[in-house]
Structure formats: C-alpha cells, structure tokens
Amino acid sequence: MLLPIVELIEQVKISINTITAAEAAIKCKNEQGIMIDAREPVEYEKKAGISTINIPRGLLEMKMLQNYKNENLAIFIHCASGARAILAAEQLERIGYKNVWAITCTLEEVCLVC
C-alpha cells in the first residue's frame, strides 16, 4: 500500500525537531547556526529569506557533507510549506547531524523573520 505524502509528513514530524520561524531566527543567531532554504533555485530566486542558504532538498546530503562537517552545527531548514523541510531534516539526522530543526510554517512567515 502506498503512503500518501500527508501521512508520511505526519509520521516523520513526530521523530524530528520542529520550530517556528520566529523561534528559529533567535536560536540560529544564538547558536551560530545556518538557515537552509530547501526549495529549488528558481523558487529561491523569486523570494528568499535574508541570510538563508539555498540547498535544494535533492542535493542536501551531498552539499552538507561537503561544506558543513560539524555534526553538532545548528541547522534550520525551511521551504514553502514545511513539507520538504520536514523530510530534509529527517535525512540530515539520518546521516549524522545532531542539531537539526525543521521550520514548519509557510515561506511568508519565514521571510518576515529571516
């Protein structure tokens, strides 16, 4: 039986750290972390939060391992709706990052604080 994406997101959400954009902005600054936008470059070019790094979800594991070797780095991930951020956070935890947070609000809310 195929698992609908909505159900998958809800299952994954239980096992990862989630945070609002406002909380993430404060925590990211305090912990000297990074804010990753997991959307595609075309989406990122149209609208992006200040101080965010665009790494599309499809390249995330490879790019992170190349550029960010500290497994304890505070990582905050957002997208347009929260779905890709949740799946991306799960993947980063799976490869060994220990301080990963998925921002679960909309892009508009992220852009207001980042």
PDB file of N, CA and C in Angstrom:
ATOM      1  N   MET A   1       0.842  -1.187   0.000  1.00  0.00           N
ATOM      2  CA  MET A   1       0.000   0.000   0.000  1.00  0.00           C
ATOM      3  C   MET A   1       0.887   1.251   0.000  1.00  0.00           C
ATOM      4  N   LEU A   2       0.575   2.178  -0.845  1.00  0.00           N
ATOM      5  CA  LEU A   2       1.312   3.436  -0.928  1.00  0.00           C
ATOM      6  C   LEU A   2       0.904   4.360   0.219  1.00  0.00           C
ATOM      7  N   LEU A   3       1.864   5.089   0.722  1.00  0.00           N
ATOM      8  CA  LEU A   3       1.623   6.014   1.820  1.00  0.00           C
ATOM      9  C   LEU A   3       1.483   7.429   1.264  1.00  0.00           C
ATOM     10  N   PRO A   4       0.313   8.035   1.429  1.00  0.00           N
ATOM     11  CA  PRO A   4       0.131   9.411   0.937  1.00  0.00           C
ATOM     12  C   PRO A   4       1.136  10.358   1.606  1.00  0.00           C
ATOM     13  N   ILE A   5       1.588  11.361   0.874  1.00  0.00           N
ATOM     14  CA  ILE A   5       2.603  12.287   1.362  1.00  0.00           C
ATOM     15  C   ILE A   5       2.176  12.969   2.656  1.00  0.00           C
ATOM     16  N   VAL A   6       0.914  13.281   2.788  1.00  0.00           N
ATOM     17  CA  VAL A   6       0.418  13.933   4.008  1.00  0.00           C
ATOM     18  C   VAL A   6       0.650  13.035   5.217  1.00  0.00           C
ATOM     19  N   GLU A   7       0.380  11.750   5.056  1.00  0.00           N
ATOM     20  CA  GLU A   7       0.600  10.807   6.155  1.00  0.00           C
ATOM     21  C   GLU A   7       2.092  10.629   6.440  1.00  0.00           C
ATOM     22  N   LEU A   8       2.908  10.581   5.393  1.00  0.00           N
ATOM     23  CA  LEU A   8       4.345  10.456   5.577  1.00  0.00           C
ATOM     24  C   LEU A   8       4.885  11.650   6.367  1.00  0.00           C
ATOM     25  N   ILE A   9       4.479  12.842   5.993  1.00  0.00           N
ATOM     26  CA  ILE A   9       4.927  14.054   6.677  1.00  0.00           C
ATOM     27  C   ILE A   9       4.542  14.000   8.156  1.00  0.00           C
ATOM     28  N   GLU A  10       3.336  13.589   8.441  1.00  0.00           N
ATOM     29  CA  GLU A  10       2.883  13.499   9.836  1.00  0.00           C
ATOM     30  C   GLU A  10       3.693  12.467  10.619  1.00  0.00           C
ATOM     31  N   GLN A  11       4.027  11.358  10.006  1.00  0.00           N
ATOM     32  CA  GLN A  11       4.843  10.336  10.668  1.00  0.00           C
ATOM     33  C   GLN A  11       6.250  10.852  10.956  1.00  0.00           C
ATOM     34  N   VAL A  12       6.857  11.480   9.974  1.00  0.00           N
ATOM     35  CA  VAL A  12       8.222  11.983  10.128  1.00  0.00           C
ATOM     36  C   VAL A  12       8.258  13.115  11.159  1.00  0.00           C
ATOM     37  N   LYS A  13       7.256  13.949  11.141  1.00  0.00           N
ATOM     38  CA  LYS A  13       7.199  15.116  12.030  1.00  0.00           C
ATOM     39  C   LYS A  13       7.311  14.710  13.503  1.00  0.00           C
ATOM     40  N   ILE A  14       6.821  13.550  13.829  1.00  0.00           N
ATOM     41  CA  ILE A  14       6.866  13.057  15.207  1.00  0.00           C
ATOM     42  C   ILE A  14       8.305  12.796  15.667  1.00  0.00           C
ATOM     43  N   SER A  15       9.159  12.416  14.736  1.00  0.00           N
ATOM     44  CA  SER A  15      10.506  11.977  15.102  1.00  0.00           C
ATOM     45  C   SER A  15      11.594  13.040  14.965  1.00  0.00           C
ATOM     46  N   ILE A  16      11.249  14.249  14.539  1.00  0.00           N
ATOM     47  CA  ILE A  16      12.262  15.293  14.332  1.00  0.00           C
ATOM     48  C   ILE A  16      11.954  16.518  15.187  1.00  0.00           C
ATOM     49  N   ASN A  17      12.917  17.423  15.249  1.00  0.00           N
ATOM     50  CA  ASN A  17      12.719  18.704  15.935  1.00  0.00           C
ATOM     51  C   ASN A  17      12.015  19.661  14.990  1.00  0.00           C
ATOM     52  N   THR A  18      10.962  20.298  15.468  1.00  0.00           N
ATOM     53  CA  THR A  18      10.272  21.316  14.678  1.00  0.00           C
ATOM     54  C   THR A  18      10.287  22.633  15.451  1.00  0.00           C
ATOM     55  N   ILE A  19      10.166  23.722  14.706  1.00  0.00           N
ATOM     56  CA  ILE A  19      10.289  25.044  15.309  1.00  0.00           C
ATOM     57  C   ILE A  19       9.581  26.056  14.415  1.00  0.00           C
ATOM     58  N   THR A  20       9.140  27.161  14.999  1.00  0.00           N
ATOM     59  CA  THR A  20       8.553  28.234  14.195  1.00  0.00           C
ATOM     60  C   THR A  20       9.684  29.088  13.616  1.00  0.00           C
ATOM     61  N   ALA A  21       9.358  29.898  12.654  1.00  0.00           N
ATOM     62  CA  ALA A  21      10.369  30.768  12.033  1.00  0.00           C
ATOM     63  C   ALA A  21      10.908  31.781  13.035  1.00  0.00           C
ATOM     64  N   ALA A  22      10.048  32.352  13.842  1.00  0.00           N
ATOM     65  CA  ALA A  22      10.498  33.346  14.820  1.00  0.00           C
ATOM     66  C   ALA A  22      11.452  32.720  15.828  1.00  0.00           C
ATOM     67  N   GLU A  23      11.102  31.542  16.322  1.00  0.00           N
ATOM     68  CA  GLU A  23      11.980  30.836  17.269  1.00  0.00           C
ATOM     69  C   GLU A  23      13.296  30.448  16.601  1.00  0.00           C
ATOM     70  N   ALA A  24      13.212  30.006  15.354  1.00  0.00           N
ATOM     71  CA  ALA A  24      14.413  29.583  14.622  1.00  0.00           C
ATOM     72  C   ALA A  24      15.371  30.745  14.411  1.00  0.00           C
ATOM     73  N   ALA A  25      14.856  31.916  14.099  1.00  0.00           N
ATOM     74  CA  ALA A  25      15.718  33.081  13.877  1.00  0.00           C
ATOM     75  C   ALA A  25      16.541  33.388  15.130  1.00  0.00           C
ATOM     76  N   ILE A  26      15.909  33.322  16.279  1.00  0.00           N
ATOM     77  CA  ILE A  26      16.601  33.592  17.547  1.00  0.00           C
ATOM     78  C   ILE A  26      17.603  32.487  17.856  1.00  0.00           C
ATOM     79  N   LYS A  27      17.153  31.253  17.769  1.00  0.00           N
ATOM     80  CA  LYS A  27      18.000  30.102  18.091  1.00  0.00           C
ATOM     81  C   LYS A  27      19.187  30.011  17.127  1.00  0.00           C
ATOM     82  N   CYS A  28      18.953  30.264  15.864  1.00  0.00           N
ATOM     83  CA  CYS A  28      20.018  30.213  14.859  1.00  0.00           C
ATOM     84  C   CYS A  28      21.096  31.250  15.177  1.00  0.00           C
ATOM     85  N   LYS A  29      20.684  32.450  15.529  1.00  0.00           N
ATOM     86  CA  LYS A  29      21.639  33.503  15.876  1.00  0.00           C
ATOM     87  C   LYS A  29      22.404  33.144  17.146  1.00  0.00           C
ATOM     88  N   ASN A  30      21.691  32.694  18.171  1.00  0.00           N
ATOM     89  CA  ASN A  30      22.323  32.363  19.448  1.00  0.00           C
ATOM     90  C   ASN A  30      23.307  31.196  19.342  1.00  0.00           C
ATOM     91  N   GLU A  31      23.001  30.240  18.467  1.00  0.00           N
ATOM     92  CA  GLU A  31      23.844  29.047  18.334  1.00  0.00           C
ATOM     93  C   GLU A  31      24.794  29.135  17.135  1.00  0.00           C
ATOM     94  N   GLN A  32      24.829  30.298  16.482  1.00  0.00           N
ATOM     95  CA  GLN A  32      25.671  30.496  15.297  1.00  0.00           C
ATOM     96  C   GLN A  32      25.449  29.392  14.271  1.00  0.00           C
ATOM     97  N   GLY A  33      24.169  29.143  14.004  1.00  0.00           N
ATOM     98  CA  GLY A  33      23.791  28.093  13.065  1.00  0.00           C
ATOM     99  C   GLY A  33      23.626  28.611  11.650  1.00  0.00           C
ATOM    100  N   ILE A  34      23.045  27.763  10.825  1.00  0.00           N
ATOM    101  CA  ILE A  34      22.764  28.135   9.438  1.00  0.00           C
ATOM    102  C   ILE A  34      21.290  27.904   9.144  1.00  0.00           C
ATOM    103  N   MET A  35      20.762  28.730   8.262  1.00  0.00           N
ATOM    104  CA  MET A  35      19.366  28.644   7.841  1.00  0.00           C
ATOM    105  C   MET A  35      19.367  28.205   6.383  1.00  0.00           C
ATOM    106  N   ILE A  36      18.832  27.031   6.124  1.00  0.00           N
ATOM    107  CA  ILE A  36      18.833  26.472   4.778  1.00  0.00           C
ATOM    108  C   ILE A  36      17.434  26.534   4.178  1.00  0.00           C
ATOM    109  N   ASP A  37      17.373  27.007   2.949  1.00  0.00           N
ATOM    110  CA  ASP A  37      16.146  27.010   2.158  1.00  0.00           C
ATOM    111  C   ASP A  37      16.233  25.799   1.238  1.00  0.00           C
ATOM    112  N   ALA A  38      15.362  24.811   1.445  1.00  0.00           N
ATOM    113  CA  ALA A  38      15.425  23.537   0.714  1.00  0.00           C
ATOM    114  C   ALA A  38      14.642  23.553  -0.593  1.00  0.00           C
ATOM    115  N   ARG A  39      14.194  24.733  -1.023  1.00  0.00           N
ATOM    116  CA  ARG A  39      13.453  24.826  -2.277  1.00  0.00           C
ATOM    117  C   ARG A  39      14.400  24.801  -3.467  1.00  0.00           C
ATOM    118  N   GLU A  40      13.832  24.677  -4.629  1.00  0.00           N
ATOM    119  CA  GLU A  40      14.608  24.696  -5.871  1.00  0.00           C
ATOM    120  C   GLU A  40      15.125  26.117  -6.139  1.00  0.00           C
ATOM    121  N   PRO A  41      16.243  26.246  -6.862  1.00  0.00           N
ATOM    122  CA  PRO A  41      16.816  27.577  -7.129  1.00  0.00           C
ATOM    123  C   PRO A  41      15.834  28.566  -7.763  1.00  0.00           C
ATOM    124  N   VAL A  42      14.990  28.111  -8.649  1.00  0.00           N
ATOM    125  CA  VAL A  42      14.012  29.003  -9.293  1.00  0.00           C
ATOM    126  C   VAL A  42      13.060  29.586  -8.253  1.00  0.00           C
ATOM    127  N   GLU A  43      12.635  28.774  -7.306  1.00  0.00           N
ATOM    128  CA  GLU A  43      11.761  29.257  -6.234  1.00  0.00           C
ATOM    129  C   GLU A  43      12.507  30.248  -5.338  1.00  0.00           C
ATOM    130  N   TYR A  44      13.740  29.906  -5.025  1.00  0.00           N
ATOM    131  CA  TYR A  44      14.570  30.737  -4.145  1.00  0.00           C
ATOM    132  C   TYR A  44      14.810  32.119  -4.756  1.00  0.00           C
ATOM    133  N   GLU A  45      15.045  32.170  -6.069  1.00  0.00           N
ATOM    134  CA  GLU A  45      15.295  33.440  -6.751  1.00  0.00           C
ATOM    135  C   GLU A  45      14.096  34.374  -6.689  1.00  0.00           C
ATOM    136  N   LYS A  46      12.906  33.812  -6.656  1.00  0.00           N
ATOM    137  CA  LYS A  46      11.694  34.633  -6.620  1.00  0.00           C
ATOM    138  C   LYS A  46      11.487  35.288  -5.267  1.00  0.00           C
ATOM    139  N   LYS A  47      11.781  34.542  -4.197  1.00  0.00           N
ATOM    140  CA  LYS A  47      11.585  35.081  -2.850  1.00  0.00           C
ATOM    141  C   LYS A  47      12.398  34.249  -1.877  1.00  0.00           C
ATOM    142  N   ALA A  48      13.216  34.932  -1.093  1.00  0.00           N
ATOM    143  CA  ALA A  48      14.064  34.228  -0.134  1.00  0.00           C
ATOM    144  C   ALA A  48      14.198  35.033   1.140  1.00  0.00           C
ATOM    145  N   GLY A  49      14.403  34.335   2.227  1.00  0.00           N
ATOM    146  CA  GLY A  49      14.658  34.995   3.495  1.00  0.00           C
ATOM    147  C   GLY A  49      16.080  35.535   3.525  1.00  0.00           C
ATOM    148  N   ILE A  50      16.287  36.576   4.287  1.00  0.00           N
ATOM    149  CA  ILE A  50      17.621  37.150   4.455  1.00  0.00           C
ATOM    150  C   ILE A  50      18.484  36.144   5.204  1.00  0.00           C
ATOM    151  N   SER A  51      19.722  36.022   4.811  1.00  0.00           N
ATOM    152  CA  SER A  51      20.699  35.137   5.470  1.00  0.00           C
ATOM    153  C   SER A  51      20.379  33.652   5.337  1.00  0.00           C
ATOM    154  N   THR A  52      19.619  33.285   4.318  1.00  0.00           N
ATOM    155  CA  THR A  52      19.374  31.863   4.087  1.00  0.00           C
ATOM    156  C   THR A  52      20.317  31.355   3.002  1.00  0.00           C
ATOM    157  N   ILE A  53      20.591  30.071   3.067  1.00  0.00           N
ATOM    158  CA  ILE A  53      21.445  29.405   2.088  1.00  0.00           C
ATOM    159  C   ILE A  53      20.556  28.470   1.279  1.00  0.00           C
ATOM    160  N   ASN A  54      20.599  28.573  -0.022  1.00  0.00           N
ATOM    161  CA  ASN A  54      19.770  27.701  -0.855  1.00  0.00           C
ATOM    162  C   ASN A  54      20.506  26.407  -1.175  1.00  0.00           C
ATOM    163  N   ILE A  55      20.001  25.318  -0.619  1.00  0.00           N
ATOM    164  CA  ILE A  55      20.476  23.982  -0.971  1.00  0.00           C
ATOM    165  C   ILE A  55      19.225  23.150  -1.221  1.00  0.00           C
ATOM    166  N   PRO A  56      18.902  22.874  -2.472  1.00  0.00           N
ATOM    167  CA  PRO A  56      17.693  22.100  -2.776  1.00  0.00           C
ATOM    168  C   PRO A  56      17.715  20.740  -2.086  1.00  0.00           C
ATOM    169  N   ARG A  57      16.549  20.282  -1.722  1.00  0.00           N
ATOM    170  CA  ARG A  57      16.428  19.013  -0.998  1.00  0.00           C
ATOM    171  C   ARG A  57      17.128  17.867  -1.716  1.00  0.00           C
ATOM    172  N   GLY A  58      17.089  17.839  -3.017  1.00  0.00           N
ATOM    173  CA  GLY A  58      17.714  16.759  -3.779  1.00  0.00           C
ATOM    174  C   GLY A  58      19.232  16.729  -3.689  1.00  0.00           C
ATOM    175  N   LEU A  59      19.844  17.836  -3.307  1.00  0.00           N
ATOM    176  CA  LEU A  59      21.300  17.918  -3.188  1.00  0.00           C
ATOM    177  C   LEU A  59      21.768  18.069  -1.740  1.00  0.00           C
ATOM    178  N   LEU A  60      20.847  18.105  -0.830  1.00  0.00           N
ATOM    179  CA  LEU A  60      21.143  18.493   0.544  1.00  0.00           C
ATOM    180  C   LEU A  60      22.206  17.638   1.218  1.00  0.00           C
ATOM    181  N   GLU A  61      22.060  16.339   1.194  1.00  0.00           N
ATOM    182  CA  GLU A  61      23.022  15.484   1.904  1.00  0.00           C
ATOM    183  C   GLU A  61      24.429  15.673   1.351  1.00  0.00           C
ATOM    184  N   MET A  62      24.558  15.679   0.035  1.00  0.00           N
ATOM    185  CA  MET A  62      25.880  15.828  -0.582  1.00  0.00           C
ATOM    186  C   MET A  62      26.508  17.179  -0.259  1.00  0.00           C
ATOM    187  N   LYS A  63      25.751  18.248  -0.423  1.00  0.00           N
ATOM    188  CA  LYS A  63      26.274  19.591  -0.186  1.00  0.00           C
ATOM    189  C   LYS A  63      26.615  19.816   1.285  1.00  0.00           C
ATOM    190  N   MET A  64      25.776  19.311   2.161  1.00  0.00           N
ATOM    191  CA  MET A  64      26.038  19.486   3.587  1.00  0.00           C
ATOM    192  C   MET A  64      27.317  18.770   3.991  1.00  0.00           C
ATOM    193  N   LEU A  65      27.493  17.544   3.538  1.00  0.00           N
ATOM    194  CA  LEU A  65      28.690  16.785   3.897  1.00  0.00           C
ATOM    195  C   LEU A  65      29.954  17.418   3.308  1.00  0.00           C
ATOM    196  N   GLN A  66      29.828  18.071   2.166  1.00  0.00           N
ATOM    197  CA  GLN A  66      30.973  18.752   1.560  1.00  0.00           C
ATOM    198  C   GLN A  66      31.327  20.042   2.296  1.00  0.00           C
ATOM    199  N   ASN A  67      30.304  20.795   2.697  1.00  0.00           N
ATOM    200  CA  ASN A  67      30.528  22.150   3.198  1.00  0.00           C
ATOM    201  C   ASN A  67      30.408  22.336   4.707  1.00  0.00           C
ATOM    202  N   TYR A  68      29.736  21.425   5.382  1.00  0.00           N
ATOM    203  CA  TYR A  68      29.488  21.576   6.818  1.00  0.00           C
ATOM    204  C   TYR A  68      29.781  20.260   7.526  1.00  0.00           C
ATOM    205  N   LYS A  69      30.989  20.127   8.021  1.00  0.00           N
ATOM    206  CA  LYS A  69      31.440  18.859   8.582  1.00  0.00           C
ATOM    207  C   LYS A  69      31.210  18.737  10.091  1.00  0.00           C
ATOM    208  N   ASN A  70      30.687  19.767  10.717  1.00  0.00           N
ATOM    209  CA  ASN A  70      30.416  19.748  12.155  1.00  0.00           C
ATOM    210  C   ASN A  70      29.046  19.116  12.403  1.00  0.00           C
ATOM    211  N   GLU A  71      29.037  17.919  12.955  1.00  0.00           N
ATOM    212  CA  GLU A  71      27.772  17.209  13.182  1.00  0.00           C
ATOM    213  C   GLU A  71      26.882  17.888  14.216  1.00  0.00           C
ATOM    214  N   ASN A  72      27.439  18.793  15.023  1.00  0.00           N
ATOM    215  CA  ASN A  72      26.672  19.495  16.053  1.00  0.00           C
ATOM    216  C   ASN A  72      26.221  20.888  15.628  1.00  0.00           C
ATOM    217  N   LEU A  73      26.532  21.282  14.408  1.00  0.00           N
ATOM    218  CA  LEU A  73      26.108  22.574  13.886  1.00  0.00           C
ATOM    219  C   LEU A  73      24.585  22.693  13.968  1.00  0.00           C
ATOM    220  N   ALA A  74      24.107  23.845  14.432  1.00  0.00           N
ATOM    221  CA  ALA A  74      22.662  24.095  14.464  1.00  0.00           C
ATOM    222  C   ALA A  74      22.195  24.368  13.036  1.00  0.00           C
ATOM    223  N   ILE A  75      21.293  23.528  12.547  1.00  0.00           N
ATOM    224  CA  ILE A  75      20.805  23.614  11.170  1.00  0.00           C
ATOM    225  C   ILE A  75      19.302  23.811  11.207  1.00  0.00           C
ATOM    226  N   PHE A  76      18.842  24.850  10.539  1.00  0.00           N
ATOM    227  CA  PHE A  76      17.418  25.168  10.477  1.00  0.00           C
ATOM    228  C   PHE A  76      17.013  25.125   9.009  1.00  0.00           C
ATOM    229  N   ILE A  77      16.011  24.331   8.694  1.00  0.00           N
ATOM    230  CA  ILE A  77      15.625  24.119   7.301  1.00  0.00           C
ATOM    231  C   ILE A  77      14.201  24.614   7.080  1.00  0.00           C
ATOM    232  N   HIS A  78      14.010  25.349   5.996  1.00  0.00           N
ATOM    233  CA  HIS A  78      12.653  25.762   5.635  1.00  0.00           C
ATOM    234  C   HIS A  78      12.420  25.545   4.148  1.00  0.00           C
ATOM    235  N   CYS A  79      11.173  25.607   3.776  1.00  0.00           N
ATOM    236  CA  CYS A  79      10.756  25.521   2.370  1.00  0.00           C
ATOM    237  C   CYS A  79       9.519  26.396   2.229  1.00  0.00           C
ATOM    238  N   ALA A  80       8.669  26.112   1.282  1.00  0.00           N
ATOM    239  CA  ALA A  80       7.476  26.940   1.097  1.00  0.00           C
ATOM    240  C   ALA A  80       6.352  26.584   2.061  1.00  0.00           C
ATOM    241  N   SER A  81       6.225  25.304   2.383  1.00  0.00           N
ATOM    242  CA  SER A  81       5.096  24.874   3.203  1.00  0.00           C
ATOM    243  C   SER A  81       5.492  24.132   4.478  1.00  0.00           C
ATOM    244  N   GLY A  82       6.721  23.683   4.566  1.00  0.00           N
ATOM    245  CA  GLY A  82       7.180  22.896   5.706  1.00  0.00           C
ATOM    246  C   GLY A  82       7.392  21.432   5.367  1.00  0.00           C
ATOM    247  N   ALA A  83       6.788  20.937   4.290  1.00  0.00           N
ATOM    248  CA  ALA A  83       6.882  19.514   3.937  1.00  0.00           C
ATOM    249  C   ALA A  83       8.303  19.107   3.560  1.00  0.00           C
ATOM    250  N   ARG A  84       8.922  19.818   2.648  1.00  0.00           N
ATOM    251  CA  ARG A  84      10.299  19.492   2.253  1.00  0.00           C
ATOM    252  C   ARG A  84      11.257  19.686   3.424  1.00  0.00           C
ATOM    253  N   ALA A  85      11.000  20.687   4.243  1.00  0.00           N
ATOM    254  CA  ALA A  85      11.851  20.927   5.407  1.00  0.00           C
ATOM    255  C   ALA A  85      11.813  19.738   6.358  1.00  0.00           C
ATOM    256  N   ILE A  86      10.650  19.188   6.567  1.00  0.00           N
ATOM    257  CA  ILE A  86      10.500  18.037   7.455  1.00  0.00           C
ATOM    258  C   ILE A  86      11.252  16.831   6.903  1.00  0.00           C
ATOM    259  N   LEU A  87      11.080  16.546   5.632  1.00  0.00           N
ATOM    260  CA  LEU A  87      11.773  15.406   5.019  1.00  0.00           C
ATOM    261  C   LEU A  87      13.284  15.641   4.974  1.00  0.00           C
ATOM    262  N   ALA A  88      13.702  16.878   4.729  1.00  0.00           N
ATOM    263  CA  ALA A  88      15.119  17.204   4.691  1.00  0.00           C
ATOM    264  C   ALA A  88      15.749  17.047   6.078  1.00  0.00           C
ATOM    265  N   ALA A  89      15.051  17.489   7.107  1.00  0.00           N
ATOM    266  CA  ALA A  89      15.560  17.352   8.475  1.00  0.00           C
ATOM    267  C   ALA A  89      15.759  15.885   8.829  1.00  0.00           C
ATOM    268  N   GLU A  90      14.812  15.063   8.436  1.00  0.00           N
ATOM    269  CA  GLU A  90      14.937  13.623   8.696  1.00  0.00           C
ATOM    270  C   GLU A  90      16.188  13.064   8.015  1.00  0.00           C
ATOM    271  N   GLN A  91      16.430  13.455   6.780  1.00  0.00           N
ATOM    272  CA  GLN A  91      17.591  12.958   6.043  1.00  0.00           C
ATOM    273  C   GLN A  91      18.905  13.408   6.685  1.00  0.00           C
ATOM    274  N   LEU A  92      18.970  14.653   7.120  1.00  0.00           N
ATOM    275  CA  LEU A  92      20.200  15.132   7.748  1.00  0.00           C
ATOM    276  C   LEU A  92      20.460  14.416   9.071  1.00  0.00           C
ATOM    277  N   GLU A  93      19.416  14.146   9.812  1.00  0.00           N
ATOM    278  CA  GLU A  93      19.582  13.368  11.042  1.00  0.00           C
ATOM    279  C   GLU A  93      20.043  11.954  10.715  1.00  0.00           C
ATOM    280  N   ARG A  94      19.518  11.395   9.671  1.00  0.00           N
ATOM    281  CA  ARG A  94      19.876  10.034   9.270  1.00  0.00           C
ATOM    282  C   ARG A  94      21.366   9.912   8.936  1.00  0.00           C
ATOM    283  N   ILE A  95      21.953  10.988   8.369  1.00  0.00           N
ATOM    284  CA  ILE A  95      23.378  10.889   8.028  1.00  0.00           C
ATOM    285  C   ILE A  95      24.287  11.357   9.162  1.00  0.00           C
ATOM    286  N   GLY A  96      23.706  11.783  10.279  1.00  0.00           N
ATOM    287  CA  GLY A  96      24.509  12.032  11.458  1.00  0.00           C
ATOM    288  C   GLY A  96      24.491  13.412  12.076  1.00  0.00           C
ATOM    289  N   TYR A  97      23.810  14.372  11.465  1.00  0.00           N
ATOM    290  CA  TYR A  97      23.727  15.694  12.083  1.00  0.00           C
ATOM    291  C   TYR A  97      22.837  15.611  13.316  1.00  0.00           C
ATOM    292  N   LYS A  98      23.249  16.289  14.393  1.00  0.00           N
ATOM    293  CA  LYS A  98      22.594  16.127  15.694  1.00  0.00           C
ATOM    294  C   LYS A  98      21.700  17.288  16.123  1.00  0.00           C
ATOM    295  N   ASN A  99      21.816  18.436  15.471  1.00  0.00           N
ATOM    296  CA  ASN A  99      21.096  19.632  15.911  1.00  0.00           C
ATOM    297  C   ASN A  99      20.333  20.231  14.725  1.00  0.00           C
ATOM    298  N   VAL A 100      19.369  19.456  14.228  1.00  0.00           N
ATOM    299  CA  VAL A 100      18.619  19.821  13.025  1.00  0.00           C
ATOM    300  C   VAL A 100      17.185  20.174  13.405  1.00  0.00           C
ATOM    301  N   TRP A 101      16.689  21.246  12.799  1.00  0.00           N
ATOM    302  CA  TRP A 101      15.342  21.739  13.079  1.00  0.00           C
ATOM    303  C   TRP A 101      14.600  22.012  11.775  1.00  0.00           C
ATOM    304  N   ALA A 102      13.379  21.551  11.681  1.00  0.00           N
ATOM    305  CA  ALA A 102      12.522  21.854  10.528  1.00  0.00           C
ATOM    306  C   ALA A 102      11.591  22.996  10.906  1.00  0.00           C
ATOM    307  N   ILE A 103      11.609  24.038  10.096  1.00  0.00           N
ATOM    308  CA  ILE A 103      10.696  25.159  10.295  1.00  0.00           C
ATOM    309  C   ILE A 103       9.380  24.782   9.624  1.00  0.00           C
ATOM    310  N   THR A 104       8.332  24.756  10.392  1.00  0.00           N
ATOM    311  CA  THR A 104       7.083  24.182   9.901  1.00  0.00           C
ATOM    312  C   THR A 104       6.037  25.198   9.478  1.00  0.00           C
ATOM    313  N   CYS A 105       6.421  26.461   9.351  1.00  0.00           N
ATOM    314  CA  CYS A 105       5.454  27.452   8.907  1.00  0.00           C
ATOM    315  C   CYS A 105       5.667  27.777   7.426  1.00  0.00           C
ATOM    316  N   THR A 106       4.863  28.671   6.905  1.00  0.00           N
ATOM    317  CA  THR A 106       4.925  28.994   5.479  1.00  0.00           C
ATOM    318  C   THR A 106       6.109  29.904   5.155  1.00  0.00           C
ATOM    319  N   LEU A 107       6.425  29.995   3.890  1.00  0.00           N
ATOM    320  CA  LEU A 107       7.522  30.836   3.423  1.00  0.00           C
ATOM    321  C   LEU A 107       7.314  32.294   3.818  1.00  0.00           C
ATOM    322  N   GLU A 108       6.096  32.776   3.741  1.00  0.00           N
ATOM    323  CA  GLU A 108       5.826  34.179   4.101  1.00  0.00           C
ATOM    324  C   GLU A 108       6.211  34.443   5.544  1.00  0.00           C
ATOM    325  N   GLU A 109       5.902  33.499   6.438  1.00  0.00           N
ATOM    326  CA  GLU A 109       6.263  33.671   7.838  1.00  0.00           C
ATOM    327  C   GLU A 109       7.785  33.632   8.019  1.00  0.00           C
ATOM    328  N   VAL A 110       8.465  32.780   7.276  1.00  0.00           N
ATOM    329  CA  VAL A 110       9.923  32.692   7.342  1.00  0.00           C
ATOM    330  C   VAL A 110      10.535  34.000   6.878  1.00  0.00           C
ATOM    331  N   CYS A 111      10.063  34.533   5.765  1.00  0.00           N
ATOM    332  CA  CYS A 111      10.637  35.752   5.196  1.00  0.00           C
ATOM    333  C   CYS A 111      10.442  36.960   6.109  1.00  0.00           C
ATOM    334  N   LEU A 112       9.461  36.926   6.954  1.00  0.00           N
ATOM    335  CA  LEU A 112       9.239  38.039   7.884  1.00  0.00           C
ATOM    336  C   LEU A 112      10.319  38.125   8.940  1.00  0.00           C
ATOM    337  N   VAL A 113      10.904  36.986   9.313  1.00  0.00           N
ATOM    338  CA  VAL A 113      11.864  36.997  10.425  1.00  0.00           C
ATOM    339  C   VAL A 113      13.290  36.658  10.014  1.00  0.00           C
ATOM    340  N   CYS A 114      13.501  36.111   8.838  1.00  0.00           N
ATOM    341  CA  CYS A 114      14.846  35.707   8.430  1.00  0.00           C
ATOM    342  C   CYS A 114      15.450  36.691   7.453  1.00  0.00           C
TER     343      CYS A 114
END
